Amino acid sequence: MRQSPVLANPASPAAFRQQSRWRLSLLDQMLDSKHKKALLLLAIEI
């Protein structure tokens, strides 16, 4: 599986934003709003 150039460099701000966006969309799909807030707080700390 090939990675895009952006994701190949995890330290780049663009990659971080893209990854965060991907995580949030994943959370949106899996969770209801009740759990989302608590997990977002956890995700911020990680």
PDB file of N, CA and C in Angstrom:
ATOM      1  N   MET A   1       0.841  -1.199   0.000  1.00  0.00           N
ATOM      2  CA  MET A   1       0.000   0.000   0.000  1.00  0.00           C
ATOM      3  C   MET A   1       0.877   1.250   0.000  1.00  0.00           C
ATOM      4  N   ARG A   2       0.703   2.071  -0.994  1.00  0.00           N
ATOM      5  CA  ARG A   2       1.535   3.277  -1.108  1.00  0.00           C
ATOM      6  C   ARG A   2       0.978   4.406  -0.272  1.00  0.00           C
ATOM      7  N   GLN A   3       1.878   5.194   0.300  1.00  0.00           N
ATOM      8  CA  GLN A   3       1.461   6.364   1.061  1.00  0.00           C
ATOM      9  C   GLN A   3       1.619   7.604   0.205  1.00  0.00           C
ATOM     10  N   SER A   4       0.757   8.585   0.433  1.00  0.00           N
ATOM     11  CA  SER A   4       0.926   9.854  -0.265  1.00  0.00           C
ATOM     12  C   SER A   4       2.153  10.567   0.286  1.00  0.00           C
ATOM     13  N   PRO A   5       2.763  11.451  -0.491  1.00  0.00           N
ATOM     14  CA  PRO A   5       3.957  12.182  -0.033  1.00  0.00           C
ATOM     15  C   PRO A   5       3.711  12.929   1.281  1.00  0.00           C
ATOM     16  N   VAL A   6       2.510  13.449   1.433  1.00  0.00           N
ATOM     17  CA  VAL A   6       2.196  14.205   2.649  1.00  0.00           C
ATOM     18  C   VAL A   6       2.256  13.291   3.872  1.00  0.00           C
ATOM     19  N   LEU A   7       1.614  12.132   3.774  1.00  0.00           N
ATOM     20  CA  LEU A   7       1.569  11.229   4.920  1.00  0.00           C
ATOM     21  C   LEU A   7       2.906  10.525   5.148  1.00  0.00           C
ATOM     22  N   ALA A   8       3.764  10.535   4.126  1.00  0.00           N
ATOM     23  CA  ALA A   8       5.071   9.899   4.275  1.00  0.00           C
ATOM     24  C   ALA A   8       5.939  10.668   5.272  1.00  0.00           C
ATOM     25  N   ASN A   9       5.613  11.936   5.476  1.00  0.00           N
ATOM     26  CA  ASN A   9       6.353  12.748   6.446  1.00  0.00           C
ATOM     27  C   ASN A   9       5.404  13.168   7.566  1.00  0.00           C
ATOM     28  N   PRO A  10       5.250  12.333   8.599  1.00  0.00           N
ATOM     29  CA  PRO A  10       4.287  12.585   9.681  1.00  0.00           C
ATOM     30  C   PRO A  10       4.573  13.865  10.447  1.00  0.00           C
ATOM     31  N   ALA A  11       5.820  14.360  10.367  1.00  0.00           N
ATOM     32  CA  ALA A  11       6.178  15.544  11.135  1.00  0.00           C
ATOM     33  C   ALA A  11       5.657  16.825  10.493  1.00  0.00           C
ATOM     34  N   SER A  12       5.268  16.745   9.221  1.00  0.00           N
ATOM     35  CA  SER A  12       4.819  17.956   8.538  1.00  0.00           C
ATOM     36  C   SER A  12       3.440  18.366   9.039  1.00  0.00           C
ATOM     37  N   PRO A  13       3.219  19.663   9.222  1.00  0.00           N
ATOM     38  CA  PRO A  13       1.927  20.170   9.707  1.00  0.00           C
ATOM     39  C   PRO A  13       0.764  19.740   8.822  1.00  0.00           C
ATOM     40  N   ALA A  14       0.993  19.709   7.517  1.00  0.00           N
ATOM     41  CA  ALA A  14      -0.073  19.309   6.598  1.00  0.00           C
ATOM     42  C   ALA A  14      -0.506  17.871   6.863  1.00  0.00           C
ATOM     43  N   ALA A  15       0.479  17.008   7.109  1.00  0.00           N
ATOM     44  CA  ALA A  15       0.167  15.610   7.383  1.00  0.00           C
ATOM     45  C   ALA A  15      -0.612  15.487   8.688  1.00  0.00           C
ATOM     46  N   PHE A  16      -0.203  16.281   9.675  1.00  0.00           N
ATOM     47  CA  PHE A  16      -0.884  16.235  10.961  1.00  0.00           C
ATOM     48  C   PHE A  16      -2.341  16.667  10.816  1.00  0.00           C
ATOM     49  N   ARG A  17      -2.565  17.742  10.062  1.00  0.00           N
ATOM     50  CA  ARG A  17      -3.941  18.216   9.855  1.00  0.00           C
ATOM     51  C   ARG A  17      -4.757  17.181   9.108  1.00  0.00           C
ATOM     52  N   GLN A  18      -4.149  16.579   8.085  1.00  0.00           N
ATOM     53  CA  GLN A  18      -4.869  15.593   7.290  1.00  0.00           C
ATOM     54  C   GLN A  18      -5.226  14.378   8.139  1.00  0.00           C
ATOM     55  N   GLN A  19      -4.276  13.947   8.960  1.00  0.00           N
ATOM     56  CA  GLN A  19      -4.503  12.789   9.816  1.00  0.00           C
ATOM     57  C   GLN A  19      -5.589  13.090  10.846  1.00  0.00           C
ATOM     58  N   SER A  20      -5.548  14.299  11.409  1.00  0.00           N
ATOM     59  CA  SER A  20      -6.557  14.688  12.388  1.00  0.00           C
ATOM     60  C   SER A  20      -7.936  14.696  11.751  1.00  0.00           C
ATOM     61  N   ARG A  21      -8.009  15.230  10.536  1.00  0.00           N
ATOM     62  CA  ARG A  21      -9.285  15.279   9.828  1.00  0.00           C
ATOM     63  C   ARG A  21      -9.802  13.873   9.591  1.00  0.00           C
ATOM     64  N   TRP A  22      -8.898  12.960   9.217  1.00  0.00           N
ATOM     65  CA  TRP A  22      -9.283  11.581   8.970  1.00  0.00           C
ATOM     66  C   TRP A  22      -9.800  10.940  10.254  1.00  0.00           C
ATOM     67  N   ARG A  23      -9.110  11.199  11.362  1.00  0.00           N
ATOM     68  CA  ARG A  23      -9.540  10.642  12.649  1.00  0.00           C
ATOM     69  C   ARG A  23     -10.914  11.165  13.037  1.00  0.00           C
ATOM     70  N   LEU A  24     -11.128  12.460  12.854  1.00  0.00           N
ATOM     71  CA  LEU A  24     -12.404  13.050  13.240  1.00  0.00           C
ATOM     72  C   LEU A  24     -13.537  12.470  12.405  1.00  0.00           C
ATOM     73  N   SER A  25     -13.314  12.286  11.107  1.00  0.00           N
ATOM     74  CA  SER A  25     -14.365  11.734  10.263  1.00  0.00           C
ATOM     75  C   SER A  25     -14.664  10.295  10.670  1.00  0.00           C
ATOM     76  N   LEU A  26     -13.621   9.578  11.077  1.00  0.00           N
ATOM     77  CA  LEU A  26     -13.807   8.215  11.546  1.00  0.00           C
ATOM     78  C   LEU A  26     -14.645   8.210  12.829  1.00  0.00           C
ATOM     79  N   LEU A  27     -14.318   9.124  13.741  1.00  0.00           N
ATOM     80  CA  LEU A  27     -15.079   9.229  14.982  1.00  0.00           C
ATOM     81  C   LEU A  27     -16.531   9.575  14.692  1.00  0.00           C
ATOM     82  N   ASP A  28     -16.736  10.490  13.747  1.00  0.00           N
ATOM     83  CA  ASP A  28     -18.096  10.879  13.388  1.00  0.00           C
ATOM     84  C   ASP A  28     -18.912   9.674  12.947  1.00  0.00           C
ATOM     85  N   GLN A  29     -18.279   8.781  12.206  1.00  0.00           N
ATOM     86  CA  GLN A  29     -18.995   7.621  11.696  1.00  0.00           C
ATOM     87  C   GLN A  29     -19.295   6.612  12.798  1.00  0.00           C
ATOM     88  N   MET A  30     -18.367   6.457  13.728  1.00  0.00           N
ATOM     89  CA  MET A  30     -18.491   5.365  14.699  1.00  0.00           C
ATOM     90  C   MET A  30     -19.248   5.733  15.969  1.00  0.00           C
ATOM     91  N   LEU A  31     -19.240   7.024  16.305  1.00  0.00           N
ATOM     92  CA  LEU A  31     -19.722   7.393  17.624  1.00  0.00           C
ATOM     93  C   LEU A  31     -20.938   8.294  17.579  1.00  0.00           C
ATOM     94  N   ASP A  32     -21.736   8.230  18.619  1.00  0.00           N
ATOM     95  CA  ASP A  32     -22.774   9.234  18.762  1.00  0.00           C
ATOM     96  C   ASP A  32     -22.180  10.430  19.503  1.00  0.00           C
ATOM     97  N   SER A  33     -22.880  11.542  19.499  1.00  0.00           N
ATOM     98  CA  SER A  33     -22.314  12.791  20.021  1.00  0.00           C
ATOM     99  C   SER A  33     -21.989  12.704  21.512  1.00  0.00           C
ATOM    100  N   LYS A  34     -22.678  11.817  22.219  1.00  0.00           N
ATOM    101  CA  LYS A  34     -22.448  11.704  23.664  1.00  0.00           C
ATOM    102  C   LYS A  34     -21.021  11.262  23.956  1.00  0.00           C
ATOM    103  N   HIS A  35     -20.532  10.303  23.181  1.00  0.00           N
ATOM    104  CA  HIS A  35     -19.188   9.789  23.411  1.00  0.00           C
ATOM    105  C   HIS A  35     -18.133  10.609  22.684  1.00  0.00           C
ATOM    106  N   LYS A  36     -18.560  11.327  21.648  1.00  0.00           N
ATOM    107  CA  LYS A  36     -17.605  12.032  20.805  1.00  0.00           C
ATOM    108  C   LYS A  36     -16.808  13.069  21.589  1.00  0.00           C
ATOM    109  N   LYS A  37     -17.502  13.822  22.441  1.00  0.00           N
ATOM    110  CA  LYS A  37     -16.814  14.886  23.183  1.00  0.00           C
ATOM    111  C   LYS A  37     -15.721  14.317  24.083  1.00  0.00           C
ATOM    112  N   ALA A  38     -16.016  13.250  24.781  1.00  0.00           N
ATOM    113  CA  ALA A  38     -15.029  12.655  25.681  1.00  0.00           C
ATOM    114  C   ALA A  38     -13.822  12.130  24.897  1.00  0.00           C
ATOM    115  N   LEU A  39     -14.081  11.499  23.757  1.00  0.00           N
ATOM    116  CA  LEU A  39     -12.977  10.950  22.977  1.00  0.00           C
ATOM    117  C   LEU A  39     -12.170  12.041  22.302  1.00  0.00           C
ATOM    118  N   LEU A  40     -12.829  13.128  21.919  1.00  0.00           N
ATOM    119  CA  LEU A  40     -12.080  14.243  21.334  1.00  0.00           C
ATOM    120  C   LEU A  40     -11.118  14.817  22.360  1.00  0.00           C
ATOM    121  N   LEU A  41     -11.556  14.906  23.603  1.00  0.00           N
ATOM    122  CA  LEU A  41     -10.670  15.403  24.655  1.00  0.00           C
ATOM    123  C   LEU A  41      -9.475  14.469  24.824  1.00  0.00           C
ATOM    124  N   LEU A  42      -9.721  13.161  24.750  1.00  0.00           N
ATOM    125  CA  LEU A  42      -8.625  12.197  24.851  1.00  0.00           C
ATOM    126  C   LEU A  42      -7.691  12.305  23.649  1.00  0.00           C
ATOM    127  N   ALA A  43      -8.275  12.462  22.471  1.00  0.00           N
ATOM    128  CA  ALA A  43      -7.467  12.526  21.245  1.00  0.00           C
ATOM    129  C   ALA A  43      -6.543  13.732  21.259  1.00  0.00           C
ATOM    130  N   ILE A  44      -7.014  14.822  21.849  1.00  0.00           N
ATOM    131  CA  ILE A  44      -6.199  16.036  21.917  1.00  0.00           C
ATOM    132  C   ILE A  44      -4.967  15.803  22.786  1.00  0.00           C
ATOM    133  N   GLU A  45      -5.116  15.003  23.835  1.00  0.00           N
ATOM    134  CA  GLU A  45      -4.004  14.775  24.761  1.00  0.00           C
ATOM    135  C   GLU A  45      -2.976  13.808  24.188  1.00  0.00           C
ATOM    136  N   ILE A  46      -3.396  12.941  23.295  1.00  0.00           N
ATOM    137  CA  ILE A  46      -2.487  11.920  22.744  1.00  0.00           C
ATOM    138  C   ILE A  46      -1.479  12.559  21.786  1.00  0.00           C
TER     139      ILE A  46
END
